[in-house]
Amino acid sequence: MSTIKGTQELSEINQKVVQEGEVLPQVKLKDGSRVQTGTVATMLHNINLYNAGVRGAVEEELALAVPTLFKVGMFDLFSVEEWINGTNAGRKFVGEKAREFQQKHK
């Protein structure tokens, strides 16, 4: 069984989108790999923060989410190029990080 890179860190990061005391679980996919739930919701939250001008930790959190987003098929639904194109700065940032990830893992 493999755990996607960044899963442990995402467990803490993703707490920002749930009420205090709630815990988002890791789940095992059919291929046996483990991913952290809440990653897509947190990514959307962080894209909004990015679009509002927040940088630093938000950028790190968005980049950390990319391997999980690939694993759950986000970039099958919308290609990396679709993420990069357009006027949404946060979405473009995620797309650029996804392209970097793709190039490293060819």
C-alpha atoms as a PDB file:
ATOM      1  CA  MET A   1       0.000   0.000   0.000  1.00  0.00           C
ATOM      2  CA  SER A   2       1.384   3.414  -0.908  1.00  0.00           C
ATOM      3  CA  THR A   3       0.619   6.769   0.585  1.00  0.00           C
ATOM      4  CA  ILE A   4       0.637   9.709  -1.796  1.00  0.00           C
ATOM      5  CA  LYS A   5       3.373  12.258  -1.080  1.00  0.00           C
ATOM      6  CA  GLY A   6       2.137  15.033   1.192  1.00  0.00           C
ATOM      7  CA  THR A   7      -0.786  13.065   2.634  1.00  0.00           C
ATOM      8  CA  GLN A   8       0.278  13.530   6.255  1.00  0.00           C
ATOM      9  CA  GLU A   9       0.777  17.274   5.806  1.00  0.00           C
ATOM     10  CA  LEU A  10      -2.547  17.594   3.995  1.00  0.00           C
ATOM     11  CA  SER A  11      -4.249  16.010   6.991  1.00  0.00           C
ATOM     12  CA  GLU A  12      -3.362  19.115   9.012  1.00  0.00           C
ATOM     13  CA  ILE A  13      -3.788  21.646   6.200  1.00  0.00           C
ATOM     14  CA  ASN A  14      -7.250  20.396   5.266  1.00  0.00           C
ATOM     15  CA  GLN A  15      -8.520  21.100   8.782  1.00  0.00           C
ATOM     16  CA  LYS A  16      -8.948  24.744   7.715  1.00  0.00           C
ATOM     17  CA  VAL A  17     -12.182  23.851   5.886  1.00  0.00           C
ATOM     18  CA  VAL A  18     -13.935  21.924   8.666  1.00  0.00           C
ATOM     19  CA  GLN A  19     -15.286  22.900  12.051  1.00  0.00           C
ATOM     20  CA  GLU A  20     -13.043  22.589  15.074  1.00  0.00           C
ATOM     21  CA  GLY A  21     -13.032  19.057  16.410  1.00  0.00           C
ATOM     22  CA  GLU A  22     -13.868  17.469  13.049  1.00  0.00           C
ATOM     23  CA  VAL A  23     -11.285  15.152  11.530  1.00  0.00           C
ATOM     24  CA  LEU A  24     -10.985  14.384   7.836  1.00  0.00           C
ATOM     25  CA  PRO A  25      -9.909  10.767   7.291  1.00  0.00           C
ATOM     26  CA  GLN A  26      -7.446   9.283   4.879  1.00  0.00           C
ATOM     27  CA  VAL A  27      -9.065   6.809   2.530  1.00  0.00           C
ATOM     28  CA  LYS A  28      -7.692   3.844   0.624  1.00  0.00           C
ATOM     29  CA  LEU A  29      -8.379   3.884  -3.104  1.00  0.00           C
ATOM     30  CA  LYS A  30      -9.076   0.727  -5.105  1.00  0.00           C
ATOM     31  CA  ASP A  31      -5.422   0.549  -6.151  1.00  0.00           C
ATOM     32  CA  GLY A  32      -4.433   0.435  -2.475  1.00  0.00           C
ATOM     33  CA  SER A  33      -2.962   3.934  -2.268  1.00  0.00           C
ATOM     34  CA  ARG A  34      -4.023   6.261   0.538  1.00  0.00           C
ATOM     35  CA  VAL A  35      -5.126   9.861   0.031  1.00  0.00           C
ATOM     36  CA  GLN A  36      -6.340  12.593   2.345  1.00  0.00           C
ATOM     37  CA  THR A  37      -9.985  13.619   2.109  1.00  0.00           C
ATOM     38  CA  GLY A  38     -10.771  17.321   1.956  1.00  0.00           C
ATOM     39  CA  THR A  39      -7.935  18.112  -0.426  1.00  0.00           C
ATOM     40  CA  VAL A  40     -10.153  19.388  -3.253  1.00  0.00           C
ATOM     41  CA  ALA A  41     -12.218  21.553  -0.887  1.00  0.00           C
ATOM     42  CA  THR A  42      -9.070  22.982   0.672  1.00  0.00           C
ATOM     43  CA  MET A  43      -7.575  23.610  -2.764  1.00  0.00           C
ATOM     44  CA  LEU A  44     -10.663  25.614  -3.766  1.00  0.00           C
ATOM     45  CA  HIS A  45     -10.447  27.574  -0.502  1.00  0.00           C
ATOM     46  CA  ASN A  46      -6.745  28.256  -1.080  1.00  0.00           C
ATOM     47  CA  ILE A  47      -7.346  29.315  -4.684  1.00  0.00           C
ATOM     48  CA  ASN A  48      -9.764  31.936  -3.359  1.00  0.00           C
ATOM     49  CA  LEU A  49      -7.128  33.103  -0.880  1.00  0.00           C
ATOM     50  CA  TYR A  50      -4.510  33.189  -3.643  1.00  0.00           C
ATOM     51  CA  ASN A  51      -6.849  35.234  -5.830  1.00  0.00           C
ATOM     52  CA  ALA A  52      -7.288  37.653  -2.909  1.00  0.00           C
ATOM     53  CA  GLY A  53      -3.521  38.205  -2.851  1.00  0.00           C
ATOM     54  CA  VAL A  54      -2.450  35.782  -0.112  1.00  0.00           C
ATOM     55  CA  ARG A  55       0.876  34.085  -0.835  1.00  0.00           C
ATOM     56  CA  GLY A  56       3.513  32.144   1.100  1.00  0.00           C
ATOM     57  CA  ALA A  57       1.897  29.251   2.980  1.00  0.00           C
ATOM     58  CA  VAL A  58      -1.055  29.203   0.562  1.00  0.00           C
ATOM     59  CA  GLU A  59       1.316  28.599  -2.349  1.00  0.00           C
ATOM     60  CA  GLU A  60       3.043  25.796  -0.449  1.00  0.00           C
ATOM     61  CA  GLU A  61      -0.300  24.200   0.427  1.00  0.00           C
ATOM     62  CA  LEU A  62      -1.509  24.374  -3.176  1.00  0.00           C
ATOM     63  CA  ALA A  63       1.715  22.787  -4.432  1.00  0.00           C
ATOM     64  CA  LEU A  64       1.520  20.065  -1.774  1.00  0.00           C
ATOM     65  CA  ALA A  65      -1.985  19.132  -2.956  1.00  0.00           C
ATOM     66  CA  VAL A  66      -0.904  18.441  -6.548  1.00  0.00           C
ATOM     67  CA  PRO A  67       0.111  14.745  -6.173  1.00  0.00           C
ATOM     68  CA  THR A  68      -3.225  13.946  -4.523  1.00  0.00           C
ATOM     69  CA  LEU A  69      -5.106  15.918  -7.176  1.00  0.00           C
ATOM     70  CA  PHE A  70      -3.410  13.807  -9.851  1.00  0.00           C
ATOM     71  CA  LYS A  71      -4.188  10.604  -7.966  1.00  0.00           C
ATOM     72  CA  VAL A  72      -7.913  11.356  -7.648  1.00  0.00           C
ATOM     73  CA  GLY A  73      -8.204  12.354 -11.324  1.00  0.00           C
ATOM     74  CA  MET A  74      -8.587  16.120 -11.099  1.00  0.00           C
ATOM     75  CA  PHE A  75      -6.262  16.603 -14.067  1.00  0.00           C
ATOM     76  CA  ASP A  76      -8.169  14.001 -16.078  1.00  0.00           C
ATOM     77  CA  LEU A  77     -11.333  16.054 -15.601  1.00  0.00           C
ATOM     78  CA  PHE A  78      -9.577  19.317 -16.507  1.00  0.00           C
ATOM     79  CA  SER A  79      -6.191  19.051 -18.223  1.00  0.00           C
ATOM     80  CA  VAL A  80      -3.142  20.831 -16.858  1.00  0.00           C
ATOM     81  CA  GLU A  81      -3.334  23.205 -19.821  1.00  0.00           C
ATOM     82  CA  GLU A  82      -6.960  24.019 -18.995  1.00  0.00           C
ATOM     83  CA  TRP A  83      -5.866  24.907 -15.468  1.00  0.00           C
ATOM     84  CA  ILE A  84      -3.122  27.180 -16.783  1.00  0.00           C
ATOM     85  CA  ASN A  85      -5.210  28.933 -19.432  1.00  0.00           C
ATOM     86  CA  GLY A  86      -7.720  31.550 -18.460  1.00  0.00           C
ATOM     87  CA  THR A  87      -7.824  34.501 -16.130  1.00  0.00           C
ATOM     88  CA  ASN A  88      -8.018  32.852 -12.694  1.00  0.00           C
ATOM     89  CA  ALA A  89      -4.598  33.400 -11.101  1.00  0.00           C
ATOM     90  CA  GLY A  90      -5.012  30.710  -8.444  1.00  0.00           C
ATOM     91  CA  ARG A  91      -6.124  28.119 -10.935  1.00  0.00           C
ATOM     92  CA  LYS A  92      -3.171  29.029 -13.158  1.00  0.00           C
ATOM     93  CA  PHE A  93      -0.792  28.634 -10.209  1.00  0.00           C
ATOM     94  CA  VAL A  94      -2.125  25.122  -9.516  1.00  0.00           C
ATOM     95  CA  GLY A  95      -1.796  24.278 -13.212  1.00  0.00           C
ATOM     96  CA  GLU A  96       1.807  25.443 -13.300  1.00  0.00           C
ATOM     97  CA  LYS A  97       2.631  23.347 -10.219  1.00  0.00           C
ATOM     98  CA  ALA A  98       0.877  20.387 -11.849  1.00  0.00           C
ATOM     99  CA  ARG A  99       2.961  20.819 -15.000  1.00  0.00           C
ATOM    100  CA  GLU A 100       6.150  20.872 -12.894  1.00  0.00           C
ATOM    101  CA  PHE A 101       4.994  17.684 -11.140  1.00  0.00           C
ATOM    102  CA  GLN A 102       4.230  16.010 -14.489  1.00  0.00           C
ATOM    103  CA  GLN A 103       7.646  16.867 -15.872  1.00  0.00           C
ATOM    104  CA  LYS A 104       9.406  15.451 -12.799  1.00  0.00           C
ATOM    105  CA  HIS A 105       7.378  12.223 -12.909  1.00  0.00           C
ATOM    106  CA  LYS A 106       7.452  11.317 -16.608  1.00  0.00           C
END
